[in-house]
Amino acid sequence: MKKLIIVLIAVIVAAGITVGVLAGTGVIYVAKAGEIDREGAKDIALGNANLTIEQVYDLDVDRERRGGEIIYEVEFKIEGVEHHYTLDVNGNVLAHRTEIDDDHAGGQWGQGGQGQGGQGAGNQGSQNYIGSAAATDTALAAAGVTPDEVYDLECEVEHEHGQRFYEVEFEVGGYEYEVRVDVFTGEVLWSNIPGEGMLSPDDVKELVCEALTKDYPEIAGKNLHFDIELTVFQGQQAYEVEFECRELRKEFTYFVNAANGTVLPSYPELDD
């Protein structure tokens, strides 16, 4: 019997076959030659994230059966950001998502994003994320607002066109801010913060309120809920202002030229 077992092991090794157990099932899985193992899945996921094993923590690799197919789930964290990878047995990345690790001290809102030595939370190297708190501080500073002025604050790591950034979204006085901050350098990559020479959101709200009352007298005295966002309309930068009157079950949308304040009305719609 021992000789038979030794022979079987030799055959498996020679054939390049990997034997393992599927996570949570106890079922033995025999990988075919050329298929990756857990170590290979880990290396591919880290390489895709441009990270090394020394930079991450809470690394976990599971092999599972999903929809009749064998897949690898690779999870790890780096400076307050959780990475979740799904790979097939051939090493192809099927999915990748990131989210903020709320348990990480450097990623908690309200800590100012500062760690020891005055560096951004956990920022010990050029490949370490600055942390969500530091990114949030940068976004608020760029918008010229303070934490007590904002609401509906969200900060998530996004990946687009080969670049990773924190997408910080928040509202002030009905205006929806969106600021993208580089995860490594803290540089503001893009924002919808009104530029020099543009009307302020407060000015736009006042203009549209006047137009709305004139165009639709029936809303006078009614409670209105509104959202303001900077966008592009008819080839030019404009504010999109949406009003909702729940009493009349109607929504109103106006576009305002961000430079000269020209109000372009639209028709009301029933609020479903």
C-alpha atoms as a PDB file:
ATOM      1  CA  MET A   1       0.000   0.000   0.000  1.00  0.00           C
ATOM      2  CA  LYS A   2       2.791   2.424   0.891  1.00  0.00           C
ATOM      3  CA  LYS A   3       4.486   1.717  -2.430  1.00  0.00           C
ATOM      4  CA  LEU A   4       1.206   2.426  -4.256  1.00  0.00           C
ATOM      5  CA  ILE A   5       0.792   5.759  -2.486  1.00  0.00           C
ATOM      6  CA  ILE A   6       4.388   6.730  -3.316  1.00  0.00           C
ATOM      7  CA  VAL A   7       3.823   5.827  -6.961  1.00  0.00           C
ATOM      8  CA  LEU A   8       0.595   7.880  -7.089  1.00  0.00           C
ATOM      9  CA  ILE A   9       2.335  10.910  -5.578  1.00  0.00           C
ATOM     10  CA  ALA A  10       5.162  10.584  -8.095  1.00  0.00           C
ATOM     11  CA  VAL A  11       2.678  10.422 -10.974  1.00  0.00           C
ATOM     12  CA  ILE A  12       0.802  13.510  -9.692  1.00  0.00           C
ATOM     13  CA  VAL A  13       4.014  15.523  -9.312  1.00  0.00           C
ATOM     14  CA  ALA A  14       5.313  14.451 -12.713  1.00  0.00           C
ATOM     15  CA  ALA A  15       2.047  15.407 -14.372  1.00  0.00           C
ATOM     16  CA  GLY A  16       2.045  18.847 -12.762  1.00  0.00           C
ATOM     17  CA  ILE A  17      -1.265  18.150 -11.023  1.00  0.00           C
ATOM     18  CA  THR A  18      -2.254  20.144  -7.927  1.00  0.00           C
ATOM     19  CA  VAL A  19      -4.467  18.550  -5.278  1.00  0.00           C
ATOM     20  CA  GLY A  20      -6.420  20.647  -2.792  1.00  0.00           C
ATOM     21  CA  VAL A  21      -9.704  21.047  -0.944  1.00  0.00           C
ATOM     22  CA  LEU A  22     -12.473  23.460  -2.009  1.00  0.00           C
ATOM     23  CA  ALA A  23     -13.127  26.076   0.663  1.00  0.00           C
ATOM     24  CA  GLY A  24     -15.984  25.261   3.015  1.00  0.00           C
ATOM     25  CA  THR A  25     -16.880  21.954   1.323  1.00  0.00           C
ATOM     26  CA  GLY A  26     -14.280  19.359   2.224  1.00  0.00           C
ATOM     27  CA  VAL A  27     -14.366  18.274  -1.422  1.00  0.00           C
ATOM     28  CA  ILE A  28     -10.978  17.357  -2.876  1.00  0.00           C
ATOM     29  CA  TYR A  29     -10.126  19.237  -6.072  1.00  0.00           C
ATOM     30  CA  VAL A  30      -7.519  17.960  -8.518  1.00  0.00           C
ATOM     31  CA  ALA A  31      -6.142  20.783 -10.645  1.00  0.00           C
ATOM     32  CA  LYS A  32      -5.084  20.087 -14.208  1.00  0.00           C
ATOM     33  CA  ALA A  33      -1.626  20.759 -15.553  1.00  0.00           C
ATOM     34  CA  GLY A  34      -1.168  24.438 -16.361  1.00  0.00           C
ATOM     35  CA  GLU A  35      -3.817  25.649 -13.929  1.00  0.00           C
ATOM     36  CA  ILE A  36      -2.797  28.018 -11.155  1.00  0.00           C
ATOM     37  CA  ASP A  37      -2.792  27.127  -7.474  1.00  0.00           C
ATOM     38  CA  ARG A  38      -3.445  29.385  -4.466  1.00  0.00           C
ATOM     39  CA  GLU A  39       0.095  30.746  -4.582  1.00  0.00           C
ATOM     40  CA  GLY A  40      -0.285  31.601  -8.239  1.00  0.00           C
ATOM     41  CA  ALA A  41      -3.630  33.298  -7.633  1.00  0.00           C
ATOM     42  CA  LYS A  42      -2.076  35.381  -4.861  1.00  0.00           C
ATOM     43  CA  ASP A  43       0.854  36.458  -7.062  1.00  0.00           C
ATOM     44  CA  ILE A  44      -1.446  37.440  -9.943  1.00  0.00           C
ATOM     45  CA  ALA A  45      -3.760  39.495  -7.722  1.00  0.00           C
ATOM     46  CA  LEU A  46      -0.870  41.345  -6.070  1.00  0.00           C
ATOM     47  CA  GLY A  47       0.730  41.971  -9.442  1.00  0.00           C
ATOM     48  CA  ASN A  48      -2.529  43.366 -10.808  1.00  0.00           C
ATOM     49  CA  ALA A  49      -2.716  45.746  -7.842  1.00  0.00           C
ATOM     50  CA  ASN A  50       0.957  46.699  -8.301  1.00  0.00           C
ATOM     51  CA  LEU A  51       1.684  45.647  -4.717  1.00  0.00           C
ATOM     52  CA  THR A  52       4.073  43.266  -2.964  1.00  0.00           C
ATOM     53  CA  ILE A  53       3.381  40.759  -0.198  1.00  0.00           C
ATOM     54  CA  GLU A  54       5.313  42.976   2.239  1.00  0.00           C
ATOM     55  CA  GLN A  55       2.901  45.876   1.707  1.00  0.00           C
ATOM     56  CA  VAL A  56      -0.380  44.105   2.410  1.00  0.00           C
ATOM     57  CA  TYR A  57      -2.003  42.455   5.413  1.00  0.00           C
ATOM     58  CA  ASP A  58      -4.974  40.166   6.149  1.00  0.00           C
ATOM     59  CA  LEU A  59      -4.219  38.229   2.960  1.00  0.00           C
ATOM     60  CA  ASP A  60      -6.584  35.334   2.270  1.00  0.00           C
ATOM     61  CA  VAL A  61      -6.887  33.019  -0.748  1.00  0.00           C
ATOM     62  CA  ASP A  62      -9.816  30.614  -1.187  1.00  0.00           C
ATOM     63  CA  ARG A  63     -10.537  28.144  -3.951  1.00  0.00           C
ATOM     64  CA  GLU A  64     -14.278  27.731  -4.530  1.00  0.00           C
ATOM     65  CA  ARG A  65     -16.737  26.175  -6.937  1.00  0.00           C
ATOM     66  CA  ARG A  66     -19.182  28.706  -8.385  1.00  0.00           C
ATOM     67  CA  GLY A  67     -21.680  27.939 -11.120  1.00  0.00           C
ATOM     68  CA  GLY A  68     -19.900  24.681 -11.910  1.00  0.00           C
ATOM     69  CA  GLU A  69     -16.547  26.480 -12.360  1.00  0.00           C
ATOM     70  CA  ILE A  70     -13.550  26.571 -10.041  1.00  0.00           C
ATOM     71  CA  ILE A  71     -12.494  30.111  -9.075  1.00  0.00           C
ATOM     72  CA  TYR A  72     -10.061  31.742  -6.655  1.00  0.00           C
ATOM     73  CA  GLU A  73     -11.088  34.503  -4.265  1.00  0.00           C
ATOM     74  CA  VAL A  74      -8.125  36.639  -3.167  1.00  0.00           C
ATOM     75  CA  GLU A  75      -8.589  39.293  -0.486  1.00  0.00           C
ATOM     76  CA  PHE A  76      -6.049  41.581   1.146  1.00  0.00           C
ATOM     77  CA  LYS A  77      -5.804  45.027   2.711  1.00  0.00           C
ATOM     78  CA  ILE A  78      -3.434  47.954   2.395  1.00  0.00           C
ATOM     79  CA  GLU A  79      -3.661  51.122   4.475  1.00  0.00           C
ATOM     80  CA  GLY A  80      -7.394  51.106   5.039  1.00  0.00           C
ATOM     81  CA  VAL A  81      -8.393  49.748   1.622  1.00  0.00           C
ATOM     82  CA  GLU A  82      -9.747  46.236   1.033  1.00  0.00           C
ATOM     83  CA  HIS A  83      -9.026  44.538  -2.299  1.00  0.00           C
ATOM     84  CA  HIS A  84     -11.215  41.660  -3.517  1.00  0.00           C
ATOM     85  CA  TYR A  85     -10.121  39.668  -6.579  1.00  0.00           C
ATOM     86  CA  THR A  86     -11.856  36.828  -8.409  1.00  0.00           C
ATOM     87  CA  LEU A  87      -9.707  34.711 -10.775  1.00  0.00           C
ATOM     88  CA  ASP A  88     -10.331  31.626 -12.868  1.00  0.00           C
ATOM     89  CA  VAL A  89      -8.033  28.603 -12.869  1.00  0.00           C
ATOM     90  CA  ASN A  90      -6.163  29.972 -15.880  1.00  0.00           C
ATOM     91  CA  GLY A  91      -5.133  33.079 -13.970  1.00  0.00           C
ATOM     92  CA  ASN A  92      -7.558  35.492 -15.629  1.00  0.00           C
ATOM     93  CA  VAL A  93      -8.899  38.287 -13.404  1.00  0.00           C
ATOM     94  CA  LEU A  94     -12.687  37.983 -13.579  1.00  0.00           C
ATOM     95  CA  ALA A  95     -13.489  40.777 -11.119  1.00  0.00           C
ATOM     96  CA  HIS A  96     -11.751  43.311  -8.914  1.00  0.00           C
ATOM     97  CA  ARG A  97     -13.373  45.641  -6.437  1.00  0.00           C
ATOM     98  CA  THR A  98     -12.124  47.795  -3.580  1.00  0.00           C
ATOM     99  CA  GLU A  99     -13.757  49.274  -0.524  1.00  0.00           C
ATOM    100  CA  ILE A 100     -12.751  51.245   2.534  1.00  0.00           C
ATOM    101  CA  ASP A 101     -11.711  49.192   5.567  1.00  0.00           C
ATOM    102  CA  ASP A 102     -13.700  50.895   8.334  1.00  0.00           C
ATOM    103  CA  ASP A 103     -11.718  49.041  11.009  1.00  0.00           C
ATOM    104  CA  HIS A 104      -8.441  50.606   9.937  1.00  0.00           C
ATOM    105  CA  ALA A 105      -7.323  53.519  12.130  1.00  0.00           C
ATOM    106  CA  GLY A 106      -5.834  55.420   9.201  1.00  0.00           C
ATOM    107  CA  GLY A 107      -9.072  55.280   7.240  1.00  0.00           C
ATOM    108  CA  GLN A 108     -11.490  56.654   9.838  1.00  0.00           C
ATOM    109  CA  TRP A 109     -13.311  59.889   9.021  1.00  0.00           C
ATOM    110  CA  GLY A 110     -12.566  62.623  11.509  1.00  0.00           C
ATOM    111  CA  GLN A 111      -8.914  61.799  12.263  1.00  0.00           C
ATOM    112  CA  GLY A 112      -7.563  64.359   9.875  1.00  0.00           C
ATOM    113  CA  GLY A 113      -5.637  61.748   7.911  1.00  0.00           C
ATOM    114  CA  GLN A 114      -2.457  62.377   9.917  1.00  0.00           C
ATOM    115  CA  GLY A 115      -0.313  59.634  11.384  1.00  0.00           C
ATOM    116  CA  GLN A 116       2.998  59.693  13.180  1.00  0.00           C
ATOM    117  CA  GLY A 117       5.579  62.037  11.809  1.00  0.00           C
ATOM    118  CA  GLY A 118       2.912  64.190  10.175  1.00  0.00           C
ATOM    119  CA  GLN A 119       2.540  61.842   7.204  1.00  0.00           C
ATOM    120  CA  GLY A 120      -0.784  60.764   5.712  1.00  0.00           C
ATOM    121  CA  ALA A 121      -2.237  57.758   7.515  1.00  0.00           C
ATOM    122  CA  GLY A 122       0.109  54.842   6.954  1.00  0.00           C
ATOM    123  CA  ASN A 123       2.014  56.640   4.211  1.00  0.00           C
ATOM    124  CA  GLN A 124       5.389  54.940   4.572  1.00  0.00           C
ATOM    125  CA  GLY A 125       6.309  54.521   0.942  1.00  0.00           C
ATOM    126  CA  SER A 126       5.515  55.680  -2.551  1.00  0.00           C
ATOM    127  CA  GLN A 127       3.316  52.618  -3.143  1.00  0.00           C
ATOM    128  CA  ASN A 128       1.222  53.001   0.047  1.00  0.00           C
ATOM    129  CA  TYR A 129      -2.232  54.555  -0.070  1.00  0.00           C
ATOM    130  CA  ILE A 130      -2.549  57.888   1.728  1.00  0.00           C
ATOM    131  CA  GLY A 131      -5.742  56.727   3.478  1.00  0.00           C
ATOM    132  CA  SER A 132      -9.355  57.793   3.088  1.00  0.00           C
ATOM    133  CA  ALA A 133      -9.171  60.386   5.865  1.00  0.00           C
ATOM    134  CA  ALA A 134      -6.282  62.209   4.175  1.00  0.00           C
ATOM    135  CA  ALA A 135      -8.085  62.032   0.821  1.00  0.00           C
ATOM    136  CA  THR A 136     -11.235  63.463   2.404  1.00  0.00           C
ATOM    137  CA  ASP A 137      -9.281  66.310   3.995  1.00  0.00           C
ATOM    138  CA  THR A 138      -7.747  67.105   0.605  1.00  0.00           C
ATOM    139  CA  ALA A 139     -11.145  67.114  -1.117  1.00  0.00           C
ATOM    140  CA  LEU A 140     -12.744  69.381   1.483  1.00  0.00           C
ATOM    141  CA  ALA A 141      -9.814  71.780   1.342  1.00  0.00           C
ATOM    142  CA  ALA A 142     -10.027  71.911  -2.461  1.00  0.00           C
ATOM    143  CA  ALA A 143     -13.735  72.760  -2.216  1.00  0.00           C
ATOM    144  CA  GLY A 144     -13.067  75.378   0.456  1.00  0.00           C
ATOM    145  CA  VAL A 145     -15.491  73.851   2.968  1.00  0.00           C
ATOM    146  CA  THR A 146     -15.228  72.485   6.509  1.00  0.00           C
ATOM    147  CA  PRO A 147     -16.370  69.084   7.833  1.00  0.00           C
ATOM    148  CA  ASP A 148     -19.314  70.559   9.720  1.00  0.00           C
ATOM    149  CA  GLU A 149     -20.730  72.020   6.487  1.00  0.00           C
ATOM    150  CA  VAL A 150     -20.960  68.767   4.545  1.00  0.00           C
ATOM    151  CA  TYR A 151     -23.393  65.861   4.532  1.00  0.00           C
ATOM    152  CA  ASP A 152     -23.845  62.597   2.606  1.00  0.00           C
ATOM    153  CA  LEU A 153     -20.061  62.133   2.614  1.00  0.00           C
ATOM    154  CA  GLU A 154     -18.664  59.079   0.810  1.00  0.00           C
ATOM    155  CA  CYS A 155     -15.087  58.089   0.028  1.00  0.00           C
ATOM    156  CA  GLU A 156     -14.296  55.029  -2.103  1.00  0.00           C
ATOM    157  CA  VAL A 157     -11.301  53.756  -4.028  1.00  0.00           C
ATOM    158  CA  GLU A 158     -11.944  53.552  -7.771  1.00  0.00           C
ATOM    159  CA  HIS A 159      -9.856  52.198 -10.652  1.00  0.00           C
ATOM    160  CA  GLU A 160     -10.187  53.701 -14.117  1.00  0.00           C
ATOM    161  CA  HIS A 161      -7.909  53.741 -17.171  1.00  0.00           C
ATOM    162  CA  GLY A 162      -5.061  52.198 -15.173  1.00  0.00           C
ATOM    163  CA  GLN A 163      -5.206  54.821 -12.433  1.00  0.00           C
ATOM    164  CA  ARG A 164      -6.389  54.405  -8.851  1.00  0.00           C
ATOM    165  CA  PHE A 165      -7.982  57.277  -6.994  1.00  0.00           C
ATOM    166  CA  TYR A 166     -10.190  58.100  -4.072  1.00  0.00           C
ATOM    167  CA  GLU A 167     -13.585  59.319  -5.235  1.00  0.00           C
ATOM    168  CA  VAL A 168     -14.804  61.695  -2.536  1.00  0.00           C
ATOM    169  CA  GLU A 169     -18.433  62.781  -2.825  1.00  0.00           C
ATOM    170  CA  PHE A 170     -20.339  65.090  -0.501  1.00  0.00           C
ATOM    171  CA  GLU A 171     -23.011  67.779  -0.522  1.00  0.00           C
ATOM    172  CA  VAL A 172     -23.053  71.355   0.714  1.00  0.00           C
ATOM    173  CA  GLY A 173     -26.250  73.372   0.480  1.00  0.00           C
ATOM    174  CA  GLY A 174     -27.708  71.018  -2.114  1.00  0.00           C
ATOM    175  CA  TYR A 175     -24.627  71.122  -4.352  1.00  0.00           C
ATOM    176  CA  GLU A 176     -23.092  67.711  -5.083  1.00  0.00           C
ATOM    177  CA  TYR A 177     -19.298  67.790  -5.006  1.00  0.00           C
ATOM    178  CA  GLU A 178     -17.138  65.084  -6.537  1.00  0.00           C
ATOM    179  CA  VAL A 179     -13.360  65.148  -6.094  1.00  0.00           C
ATOM    180  CA  ARG A 180     -10.889  62.513  -7.306  1.00  0.00           C
ATOM    181  CA  VAL A 181      -7.670  62.238  -5.297  1.00  0.00           C
ATOM    182  CA  ASP A 182      -4.659  60.124  -6.311  1.00  0.00           C
ATOM    183  CA  VAL A 183      -4.326  57.204  -3.872  1.00  0.00           C
ATOM    184  CA  PHE A 184      -0.529  57.496  -3.677  1.00  0.00           C
ATOM    185  CA  THR A 185       0.326  61.202  -4.003  1.00  0.00           C
ATOM    186  CA  GLY A 186      -2.806  62.922  -2.687  1.00  0.00           C
ATOM    187  CA  GLU A 187      -2.995  65.074  -5.828  1.00  0.00           C
ATOM    188  CA  VAL A 188      -6.436  66.245  -6.940  1.00  0.00           C
ATOM    189  CA  LEU A 189      -6.867  64.619 -10.343  1.00  0.00           C
ATOM    190  CA  TRP A 190     -10.306  65.986 -11.201  1.00  0.00           C
ATOM    191  CA  SER A 191     -13.229  67.741  -9.554  1.00  0.00           C
ATOM    192  CA  ASN A 192     -16.491  69.476 -10.322  1.00  0.00           C
ATOM    193  CA  ILE A 193     -15.614  72.381  -8.033  1.00  0.00           C
ATOM    194  CA  PRO A 194     -16.767  75.614  -9.726  1.00  0.00           C
ATOM    195  CA  GLY A 195     -13.820  77.425 -11.276  1.00  0.00           C
ATOM    196  CA  GLU A 196     -12.907  81.084 -11.255  1.00  0.00           C
ATOM    197  CA  GLY A 197     -15.423  83.240 -13.111  1.00  0.00           C
ATOM    198  CA  MET A 198     -18.306  80.790 -12.583  1.00  0.00           C
ATOM    199  CA  LEU A 199     -21.448  81.512 -10.647  1.00  0.00           C
ATOM    200  CA  SER A 200     -21.591  79.971  -7.191  1.00  0.00           C
ATOM    201  CA  PRO A 201     -24.158  77.253  -6.423  1.00  0.00           C
ATOM    202  CA  ASP A 202     -25.961  79.683  -4.086  1.00  0.00           C
ATOM    203  CA  ASP A 203     -26.292  82.252  -6.895  1.00  0.00           C
ATOM    204  CA  VAL A 204     -27.601  79.562  -9.224  1.00  0.00           C
ATOM    205  CA  LYS A 205     -30.166  78.389  -6.689  1.00  0.00           C
ATOM    206  CA  GLU A 206     -31.488  81.945  -6.303  1.00  0.00           C
ATOM    207  CA  LEU A 207     -31.754  82.450 -10.083  1.00  0.00           C
ATOM    208  CA  VAL A 208     -33.588  79.192 -10.619  1.00  0.00           C
ATOM    209  CA  CYS A 209     -35.972  79.777  -7.718  1.00  0.00           C
ATOM    210  CA  GLU A 210     -37.021  83.054  -9.355  1.00  0.00           C
ATOM    211  CA  ALA A 211     -37.496  81.358 -12.738  1.00  0.00           C
ATOM    212  CA  LEU A 212     -39.375  78.441 -11.205  1.00  0.00           C
ATOM    213  CA  THR A 213     -41.824  80.688  -9.343  1.00  0.00           C
ATOM    214  CA  LYS A 214     -42.460  82.697 -12.500  1.00  0.00           C
ATOM    215  CA  ASP A 215     -42.879  79.659 -14.769  1.00  0.00           C
ATOM    216  CA  TYR A 216     -44.948  77.593 -12.345  1.00  0.00           C
ATOM    217  CA  PRO A 217     -46.901  79.827  -9.934  1.00  0.00           C
ATOM    218  CA  GLU A 218     -48.627  76.790  -8.432  1.00  0.00           C
ATOM    219  CA  ILE A 219     -45.466  75.856  -6.518  1.00  0.00           C
ATOM    220  CA  ALA A 220     -45.564  79.081  -4.458  1.00  0.00           C
ATOM    221  CA  GLY A 221     -45.537  78.239  -0.766  1.00  0.00           C
ATOM    222  CA  LYS A 222     -44.819  74.556  -1.421  1.00  0.00           C
ATOM    223  CA  ASN A 223     -41.924  72.639   0.086  1.00  0.00           C
ATOM    224  CA  LEU A 224     -39.180  72.057  -2.469  1.00  0.00           C
ATOM    225  CA  HIS A 225     -36.256  69.649  -2.404  1.00  0.00           C
ATOM    226  CA  PHE A 226     -33.395  70.385  -4.780  1.00  0.00           C
ATOM    227  CA  ASP A 227     -30.039  69.115  -6.044  1.00  0.00           C
ATOM    228  CA  ILE A 228     -27.411  71.092  -7.953  1.00  0.00           C
ATOM    229  CA  GLU A 229     -24.615  69.590 -10.030  1.00  0.00           C
ATOM    230  CA  LEU A 230     -22.071  71.011 -12.467  1.00  0.00           C
ATOM    231  CA  THR A 231     -22.265  69.306 -15.846  1.00  0.00           C
ATOM    232  CA  VAL A 232     -22.019  69.943 -19.589  1.00  0.00           C
ATOM    233  CA  PHE A 233     -25.170  71.055 -21.417  1.00  0.00           C
ATOM    234  CA  GLN A 234     -25.327  71.976 -25.100  1.00  0.00           C
ATOM    235  CA  GLY A 235     -21.546  71.947 -25.289  1.00  0.00           C
ATOM    236  CA  GLN A 236     -20.958  74.345 -22.403  1.00  0.00           C
ATOM    237  CA  GLN A 237     -20.462  74.109 -18.655  1.00  0.00           C
ATOM    238  CA  ALA A 238     -23.774  74.467 -16.899  1.00  0.00           C
ATOM    239  CA  TYR A 239     -25.424  73.782 -13.591  1.00  0.00           C
ATOM    240  CA  GLU A 240     -28.153  71.186 -13.601  1.00  0.00           C
ATOM    241  CA  VAL A 241     -30.706  72.108 -10.958  1.00  0.00           C
ATOM    242  CA  GLU A 242     -33.395  69.599 -10.058  1.00  0.00           C
ATOM    243  CA  PHE A 243     -36.387  70.567  -7.922  1.00  0.00           C
ATOM    244  CA  GLU A 244     -38.884  68.118  -6.495  1.00  0.00           C
ATOM    245  CA  CYS A 245     -42.297  69.197  -5.203  1.00  0.00           C
ATOM    246  CA  ARG A 246     -43.703  66.212  -3.354  1.00  0.00           C
ATOM    247  CA  GLU A 247     -47.045  67.927  -2.680  1.00  0.00           C
ATOM    248  CA  LEU A 248     -47.696  68.293  -6.419  1.00  0.00           C
ATOM    249  CA  ARG A 249     -45.809  65.092  -7.295  1.00  0.00           C
ATOM    250  CA  LYS A 250     -43.766  66.954  -9.894  1.00  0.00           C
ATOM    251  CA  GLU A 251     -40.085  67.341 -10.699  1.00  0.00           C
ATOM    252  CA  PHE A 252     -38.540  70.375 -12.401  1.00  0.00           C
ATOM    253  CA  THR A 253     -35.136  70.524 -14.082  1.00  0.00           C
ATOM    254  CA  TYR A 254     -33.325  73.697 -15.120  1.00  0.00           C
ATOM    255  CA  PHE A 255     -29.947  74.227 -16.713  1.00  0.00           C
ATOM    256  CA  VAL A 256     -28.015  77.413 -15.969  1.00  0.00           C
ATOM    257  CA  ASN A 257     -25.010  78.620 -17.927  1.00  0.00           C
ATOM    258  CA  ALA A 258     -22.204  78.506 -15.351  1.00  0.00           C
ATOM    259  CA  ALA A 259     -20.497  81.609 -16.751  1.00  0.00           C
ATOM    260  CA  ASN A 260     -23.285  84.089 -17.569  1.00  0.00           C
ATOM    261  CA  GLY A 261     -26.241  82.782 -15.566  1.00  0.00           C
ATOM    262  CA  THR A 262     -28.582  82.266 -18.526  1.00  0.00           C
ATOM    263  CA  VAL A 263     -31.477  80.100 -17.311  1.00  0.00           C
ATOM    264  CA  LEU A 264     -32.716  77.416 -19.699  1.00  0.00           C
ATOM    265  CA  PRO A 265     -36.024  75.991 -18.409  1.00  0.00           C
ATOM    266  CA  SER A 266     -37.347  72.516 -18.969  1.00  0.00           C
ATOM    267  CA  TYR A 267     -40.817  71.027 -18.626  1.00  0.00           C
ATOM    268  CA  PRO A 268     -42.035  69.472 -15.360  1.00  0.00           C
ATOM    269  CA  GLU A 269     -42.399  65.726 -15.050  1.00  0.00           C
ATOM    270  CA  LEU A 270     -44.632  63.598 -12.871  1.00  0.00           C
ATOM    271  CA  ASP A 271     -42.812  62.288  -9.831  1.00  0.00           C
ATOM    272  CA  ASP A 272     -43.224  58.523  -9.823  1.00  0.00           C
END
